[in-house]
Structure formats: structure tokens, C-alpha cells
Amino acid sequence: MIAPRIQTLPPTLLVGKKSITSFADNNTFDLWQSFSPRKKEIKHSLNDDLYSVEIYPNTSFFQNFNPTQAFEKWVAIAVLEIDEIPKGMQSLTIPEGLYAVFPYQGKPSEAMETFRYIYSDWLPNSEYEMDDRPYFALMGAKYKGEHPESEEEFWVPIK
């Protein structure tokens, strides 16, 4: 596994859709299906990158992993400013903070081994601990969905 780069994220404004979900009853696909056709309605977009954000109830979410435990899921894009939000969407500000950024190449559905490495190996053996800020996957130009050469980054909040 590749070591992450450690990076400070500036405050990041997002506009998108959110829902409450769990790993056992995952509605992420439906959330993307309802968001993707409407993302062009969002004004002042920073770029075409997509954010898949998860806000967990506490920092021990993965240590005490329960697949039925609920968390907040967002699908969004970054914006320069927020003056109006399309109907049915909301805004989220990811606060400034330190992140461990893990590059990932492969099918998103096969990323479990990478998550296991991040939370079971890398994080406990690093000088960092999980911070209580949003986790997100950043999907840029090289993201190709369920393609084996798809690339994205996993941003893990640390302190």
C-alpha cells in the first residue's frame, strides 16, 4: 500500500444532496442517481470534481464497526461561493484541517482492502489519530466509475 500524503485542506464549500444511510442499508447509488443529472444546476462550481462525503457520528466509528450504524452521506461538488442552492439540495462546509490523502486505483466496489489498510494498519501505526471532521472521496478527471483503471483519492481527517 502507498503511504498517504499529508495535506491541509482549506475550508471547502460544497453543494449537493445528502441522506442518512449505513453500510448495511447503503443508498449511495440512489443518491448519485438523483444528483448527477442535476449537478449542472449548481452555480459557481470550482471544477468538475465530485465529492462523496461521509460524516460519521464519532471518531471510533471504524474501531467499533457496526454495519447498521447510521451516518450522513453527501454527494456534491465544490463551489466558489453560495448565493442560491437548487431545490432539493443543500450546502456543506468542510472545515479547514489536516488530511491523510490516499490515492486509489481500481473499482470503487473493490476498495474494502484499502479501507482496511487505512483504518486497521496505517492509522493505528501513525503519529495521527482520526479527527472529527468529514471524510471524503475525491473523484476527478481520472475517475471512471466501476472501471479497473479508475482513480480517486480518499481523504481521511487526522490530527
C-alpha atoms as a PDB file:
ATOM      1  CA  MET A   1       0.000   0.000   0.000  1.00  0.00           C
ATOM      2  CA  ILE A   2       1.093   3.512  -0.785  1.00  0.00           C
ATOM      3  CA  ALA A   3       1.832   5.935   2.037  1.00  0.00           C
ATOM      4  CA  PRO A   4      -0.535   8.898   2.067  1.00  0.00           C
ATOM      5  CA  ARG A   5       0.420  12.490   1.518  1.00  0.00           C
ATOM      6  CA  ILE A   6      -0.399  14.704   4.490  1.00  0.00           C
ATOM      7  CA  GLN A   7      -2.155  17.881   3.403  1.00  0.00           C
ATOM      8  CA  THR A   8      -4.043  20.784   4.943  1.00  0.00           C
ATOM      9  CA  LEU A   9      -7.395  21.284   3.281  1.00  0.00           C
ATOM     10  CA  PRO A  10      -8.630  24.888   3.254  1.00  0.00           C
ATOM     11  CA  PRO A  11     -12.300  25.477   4.134  1.00  0.00           C
ATOM     12  CA  THR A  12     -14.210  23.891   1.249  1.00  0.00           C
ATOM     13  CA  LEU A  13     -17.744  24.866   0.231  1.00  0.00           C
ATOM     14  CA  LEU A  14     -19.876  22.110  -1.274  1.00  0.00           C
ATOM     15  CA  VAL A  15     -23.365  21.987  -2.740  1.00  0.00           C
ATOM     16  CA  GLY A  16     -25.133  18.689  -3.229  1.00  0.00           C
ATOM     17  CA  LYS A  17     -27.560  16.169  -1.794  1.00  0.00           C
ATOM     18  CA  LYS A  18     -27.425  14.264   1.464  1.00  0.00           C
ATOM     19  CA  SER A  19     -29.131  11.337   3.123  1.00  0.00           C
ATOM     20  CA  ILE A  20     -28.795   9.185   6.203  1.00  0.00           C
ATOM     21  CA  THR A  21     -27.520   5.707   5.383  1.00  0.00           C
ATOM     22  CA  SER A  22     -25.486   2.791   6.760  1.00  0.00           C
ATOM     23  CA  PHE A  23     -23.114   0.264   5.250  1.00  0.00           C
ATOM     24  CA  ALA A  24     -25.784  -2.438   5.651  1.00  0.00           C
ATOM     25  CA  ASP A  25     -28.526  -0.380   4.001  1.00  0.00           C
ATOM     26  CA  ASN A  26     -26.414   1.674   1.619  1.00  0.00           C
ATOM     27  CA  ASN A  27     -28.375   4.118  -0.546  1.00  0.00           C
ATOM     28  CA  THR A  28     -25.339   5.815  -2.124  1.00  0.00           C
ATOM     29  CA  PHE A  29     -26.190   4.641  -5.653  1.00  0.00           C
ATOM     30  CA  ASP A  30     -29.688   6.182  -5.420  1.00  0.00           C
ATOM     31  CA  LEU A  31     -28.216   9.401  -4.058  1.00  0.00           C
ATOM     32  CA  TRP A  32     -25.808   9.684  -7.018  1.00  0.00           C
ATOM     33  CA  GLN A  33     -28.627   8.816  -9.443  1.00  0.00           C
ATOM     34  CA  SER A  34     -30.721  11.708  -8.115  1.00  0.00           C
ATOM     35  CA  PHE A  35     -27.770  14.154  -8.028  1.00  0.00           C
ATOM     36  CA  SER A  36     -25.768  13.538 -11.219  1.00  0.00           C
ATOM     37  CA  PRO A  37     -28.354  14.745 -13.760  1.00  0.00           C
ATOM     38  CA  ARG A  38     -28.852  17.955 -11.741  1.00  0.00           C
ATOM     39  CA  LYS A  39     -25.271  18.959 -10.882  1.00  0.00           C
ATOM     40  CA  LYS A  40     -25.177  21.466 -13.778  1.00  0.00           C
ATOM     41  CA  GLU A  41     -27.868  23.475 -11.922  1.00  0.00           C
ATOM     42  CA  ILE A  42     -25.286  24.384  -9.267  1.00  0.00           C
ATOM     43  CA  LYS A  43     -23.807  27.850  -9.813  1.00  0.00           C
ATOM     44  CA  HIS A  44     -20.164  28.891  -9.229  1.00  0.00           C
ATOM     45  CA  SER A  45     -18.726  25.359  -9.430  1.00  0.00           C
ATOM     46  CA  LEU A  46     -14.995  25.244  -8.830  1.00  0.00           C
ATOM     47  CA  ASN A  47     -14.350  22.370 -11.277  1.00  0.00           C
ATOM     48  CA  ASP A  48     -15.871  19.051 -12.374  1.00  0.00           C
ATOM     49  CA  ASP A  49     -14.542  17.050  -9.401  1.00  0.00           C
ATOM     50  CA  LEU A  50     -17.102  15.055  -7.432  1.00  0.00           C
ATOM     51  CA  TYR A  51     -17.127  14.674  -3.649  1.00  0.00           C
ATOM     52  CA  SER A  52     -18.526  11.643  -1.869  1.00  0.00           C
ATOM     53  CA  VAL A  53     -18.605  12.797   1.762  1.00  0.00           C
ATOM     54  CA  GLU A  54     -19.294  10.800   4.908  1.00  0.00           C
ATOM     55  CA  ILE A  55     -19.909  12.352   8.307  1.00  0.00           C
ATOM     56  CA  TYR A  56     -19.634   9.704  10.989  1.00  0.00           C
ATOM     57  CA  PRO A  57     -21.246  10.071  14.431  1.00  0.00           C
ATOM     58  CA  ASN A  58     -17.878   9.715  16.210  1.00  0.00           C
ATOM     59  CA  THR A  59     -14.168   9.093  15.608  1.00  0.00           C
ATOM     60  CA  SER A  60     -14.383   5.484  16.848  1.00  0.00           C
ATOM     61  CA  PHE A  61     -16.894   4.570  14.111  1.00  0.00           C
ATOM     62  CA  PHE A  62     -14.466   2.132  12.435  1.00  0.00           C
ATOM     63  CA  GLN A  63     -12.886   0.790  15.625  1.00  0.00           C
ATOM     64  CA  ASN A  64     -16.328  -0.239  16.878  1.00  0.00           C
ATOM     65  CA  PHE A  65     -17.624  -1.006  13.402  1.00  0.00           C
ATOM     66  CA  ASN A  66     -21.289  -1.897  13.151  1.00  0.00           C
ATOM     67  CA  PRO A  67     -22.582  -2.102   9.550  1.00  0.00           C
ATOM     68  CA  THR A  68     -26.055  -0.973  10.648  1.00  0.00           C
ATOM     69  CA  GLN A  69     -24.849   2.227  12.379  1.00  0.00           C
ATOM     70  CA  ALA A  70     -26.189   5.291  10.556  1.00  0.00           C
ATOM     71  CA  PHE A  71     -24.098   8.143   9.191  1.00  0.00           C
ATOM     72  CA  GLU A  72     -24.621  11.155   6.938  1.00  0.00           C
ATOM     73  CA  LYS A  73     -23.746  10.714   3.247  1.00  0.00           C
ATOM     74  CA  TRP A  74     -23.276  13.617   0.815  1.00  0.00           C
ATOM     75  CA  VAL A  75     -22.721  13.693  -2.935  1.00  0.00           C
ATOM     76  CA  ALA A  76     -21.583  17.140  -4.012  1.00  0.00           C
ATOM     77  CA  ILE A  77     -19.349  19.472  -5.967  1.00  0.00           C
ATOM     78  CA  ALA A  78     -17.148  22.306  -4.695  1.00  0.00           C
ATOM     79  CA  VAL A  79     -18.242  25.887  -5.279  1.00  0.00           C
ATOM     80  CA  LEU A  80     -16.507  29.259  -5.055  1.00  0.00           C
ATOM     81  CA  GLU A  81     -19.486  30.872  -3.347  1.00  0.00           C
ATOM     82  CA  ILE A  82     -23.057  30.105  -2.406  1.00  0.00           C
ATOM     83  CA  ASP A  83     -25.739  32.577  -3.421  1.00  0.00           C
ATOM     84  CA  GLU A  84     -28.545  30.207  -4.346  1.00  0.00           C
ATOM     85  CA  ILE A  85     -28.929  26.470  -3.902  1.00  0.00           C
ATOM     86  CA  PRO A  86     -31.002  24.369  -6.318  1.00  0.00           C
ATOM     87  CA  LYS A  87     -34.254  22.992  -4.894  1.00  0.00           C
ATOM     88  CA  GLY A  88     -33.720  19.711  -3.034  1.00  0.00           C
ATOM     89  CA  MET A  89     -30.007  20.387  -2.468  1.00  0.00           C
ATOM     90  CA  GLN A  90     -28.082  21.758   0.488  1.00  0.00           C
ATOM     91  CA  SER A  91     -24.684  23.233   1.285  1.00  0.00           C
ATOM     92  CA  LEU A  92     -21.904  21.834   3.431  1.00  0.00           C
ATOM     93  CA  THR A  93     -18.663  23.467   4.512  1.00  0.00           C
ATOM     94  CA  ILE A  94     -15.778  21.113   5.184  1.00  0.00           C
ATOM     95  CA  PRO A  95     -13.712  22.987   7.796  1.00  0.00           C
ATOM     96  CA  GLU A  96     -10.002  23.568   7.340  1.00  0.00           C
ATOM     97  CA  GLY A  97      -7.851  20.776   8.683  1.00  0.00           C
ATOM     98  CA  LEU A  98      -5.211  18.142   8.201  1.00  0.00           C
ATOM     99  CA  TYR A  99      -5.920  15.127   5.978  1.00  0.00           C
ATOM    100  CA  ALA A 100      -4.139  11.912   5.064  1.00  0.00           C
ATOM    101  CA  VAL A 101      -4.765  11.570   1.328  1.00  0.00           C
ATOM    102  CA  PHE A 102      -4.649   8.032  -0.062  1.00  0.00           C
ATOM    103  CA  PRO A 103      -4.578   7.555  -3.841  1.00  0.00           C
ATOM    104  CA  TYR A 104      -6.684   4.632  -5.054  1.00  0.00           C
ATOM    105  CA  GLN A 105      -6.824   2.952  -8.439  1.00  0.00           C
ATOM    106  CA  GLY A 106      -9.412   0.290  -9.183  1.00  0.00           C
ATOM    107  CA  LYS A 107     -13.101  -0.391  -8.990  1.00  0.00           C
ATOM    108  CA  PRO A 108     -14.759   1.538  -6.132  1.00  0.00           C
ATOM    109  CA  SER A 109     -16.630  -1.651  -5.197  1.00  0.00           C
ATOM    110  CA  GLU A 110     -13.267  -3.333  -4.505  1.00  0.00           C
ATOM    111  CA  ALA A 111     -11.822  -0.626  -2.222  1.00  0.00           C
ATOM    112  CA  MET A 112     -12.520  -2.515   1.023  1.00  0.00           C
ATOM    113  CA  GLU A 113      -8.917  -3.762   1.279  1.00  0.00           C
ATOM    114  CA  THR A 114      -7.676  -0.169   1.038  1.00  0.00           C
ATOM    115  CA  PHE A 115     -10.073   0.948   3.792  1.00  0.00           C
ATOM    116  CA  ARG A 116      -8.941  -1.959   5.962  1.00  0.00           C
ATOM    117  CA  TYR A 117      -5.317  -0.858   5.453  1.00  0.00           C
ATOM    118  CA  ILE A 118      -6.106   2.798   6.279  1.00  0.00           C
ATOM    119  CA  TYR A 119      -8.102   2.148   9.472  1.00  0.00           C
ATOM    120  CA  SER A 120      -6.505  -1.086  10.749  1.00  0.00           C
ATOM    121  CA  ASP A 121      -2.859  -0.659   9.746  1.00  0.00           C
ATOM    122  CA  TRP A 122      -1.846   2.848   8.747  1.00  0.00           C
ATOM    123  CA  LEU A 123      -3.831   4.982  11.209  1.00  0.00           C
ATOM    124  CA  PRO A 124      -3.074   2.981  14.406  1.00  0.00           C
ATOM    125  CA  ASN A 125       0.640   2.844  13.482  1.00  0.00           C
ATOM    126  CA  SER A 126       0.943   6.504  12.501  1.00  0.00           C
ATOM    127  CA  GLU A 127       1.554   9.538  14.696  1.00  0.00           C
ATOM    128  CA  TYR A 128      -2.003  10.683  13.902  1.00  0.00           C
ATOM    129  CA  GLU A 129      -5.478   9.944  15.122  1.00  0.00           C
ATOM    130  CA  MET A 130      -8.822  10.356  13.402  1.00  0.00           C
ATOM    131  CA  ASP A 131     -10.265  13.848  13.646  1.00  0.00           C
ATOM    132  CA  ASP A 132     -13.951  14.689  13.960  1.00  0.00           C
ATOM    133  CA  ARG A 133     -14.361  16.262  10.513  1.00  0.00           C
ATOM    134  CA  PRO A 134     -15.880  14.886   7.309  1.00  0.00           C
ATOM    135  CA  TYR A 135     -14.186  12.042   5.450  1.00  0.00           C
ATOM    136  CA  PHE A 136     -14.477  12.195   1.653  1.00  0.00           C
ATOM    137  CA  ALA A 137     -13.528  10.553  -1.602  1.00  0.00           C
ATOM    138  CA  LEU A 138     -12.483  12.992  -4.313  1.00  0.00           C
ATOM    139  CA  MET A 139     -13.253  11.848  -7.835  1.00  0.00           C
ATOM    140  CA  GLY A 140     -11.545  13.917 -10.516  1.00  0.00           C
ATOM    141  CA  ALA A 141     -10.913  13.580 -14.247  1.00  0.00           C
ATOM    142  CA  LYS A 142      -9.395  10.075 -13.912  1.00  0.00           C
ATOM    143  CA  TYR A 143     -12.459   8.678 -12.139  1.00  0.00           C
ATOM    144  CA  LYS A 144     -14.197   6.146 -14.404  1.00  0.00           C
ATOM    145  CA  GLY A 145     -16.752   4.530 -12.087  1.00  0.00           C
ATOM    146  CA  GLU A 146     -16.549   0.713 -11.905  1.00  0.00           C
ATOM    147  CA  HIS A 147     -13.563   0.538 -14.280  1.00  0.00           C
ATOM    148  CA  PRO A 148     -10.377  -1.241 -13.075  1.00  0.00           C
ATOM    149  CA  GLU A 149      -8.260   1.802 -14.061  1.00  0.00           C
ATOM    150  CA  SER A 150     -10.496   4.313 -12.292  1.00  0.00           C
ATOM    151  CA  GLU A 151      -8.618   6.665  -9.943  1.00  0.00           C
ATOM    152  CA  GLU A 152      -9.786   8.618  -6.907  1.00  0.00           C
ATOM    153  CA  GLU A 153      -8.447   9.846  -3.578  1.00  0.00           C
ATOM    154  CA  PHE A 154      -9.612   9.002  -0.060  1.00  0.00           C
ATOM    155  CA  TRP A 155      -9.261  11.986   2.299  1.00  0.00           C
ATOM    156  CA  VAL A 156      -9.130  10.895   5.950  1.00  0.00           C
ATOM    157  CA  PRO A 157      -9.345  13.673   8.584  1.00  0.00           C
ATOM    158  CA  ILE A 158      -6.446  13.469  11.053  1.00  0.00           C
ATOM    159  CA  LYS A 159      -4.919  15.387  13.930  1.00  0.00           C
END
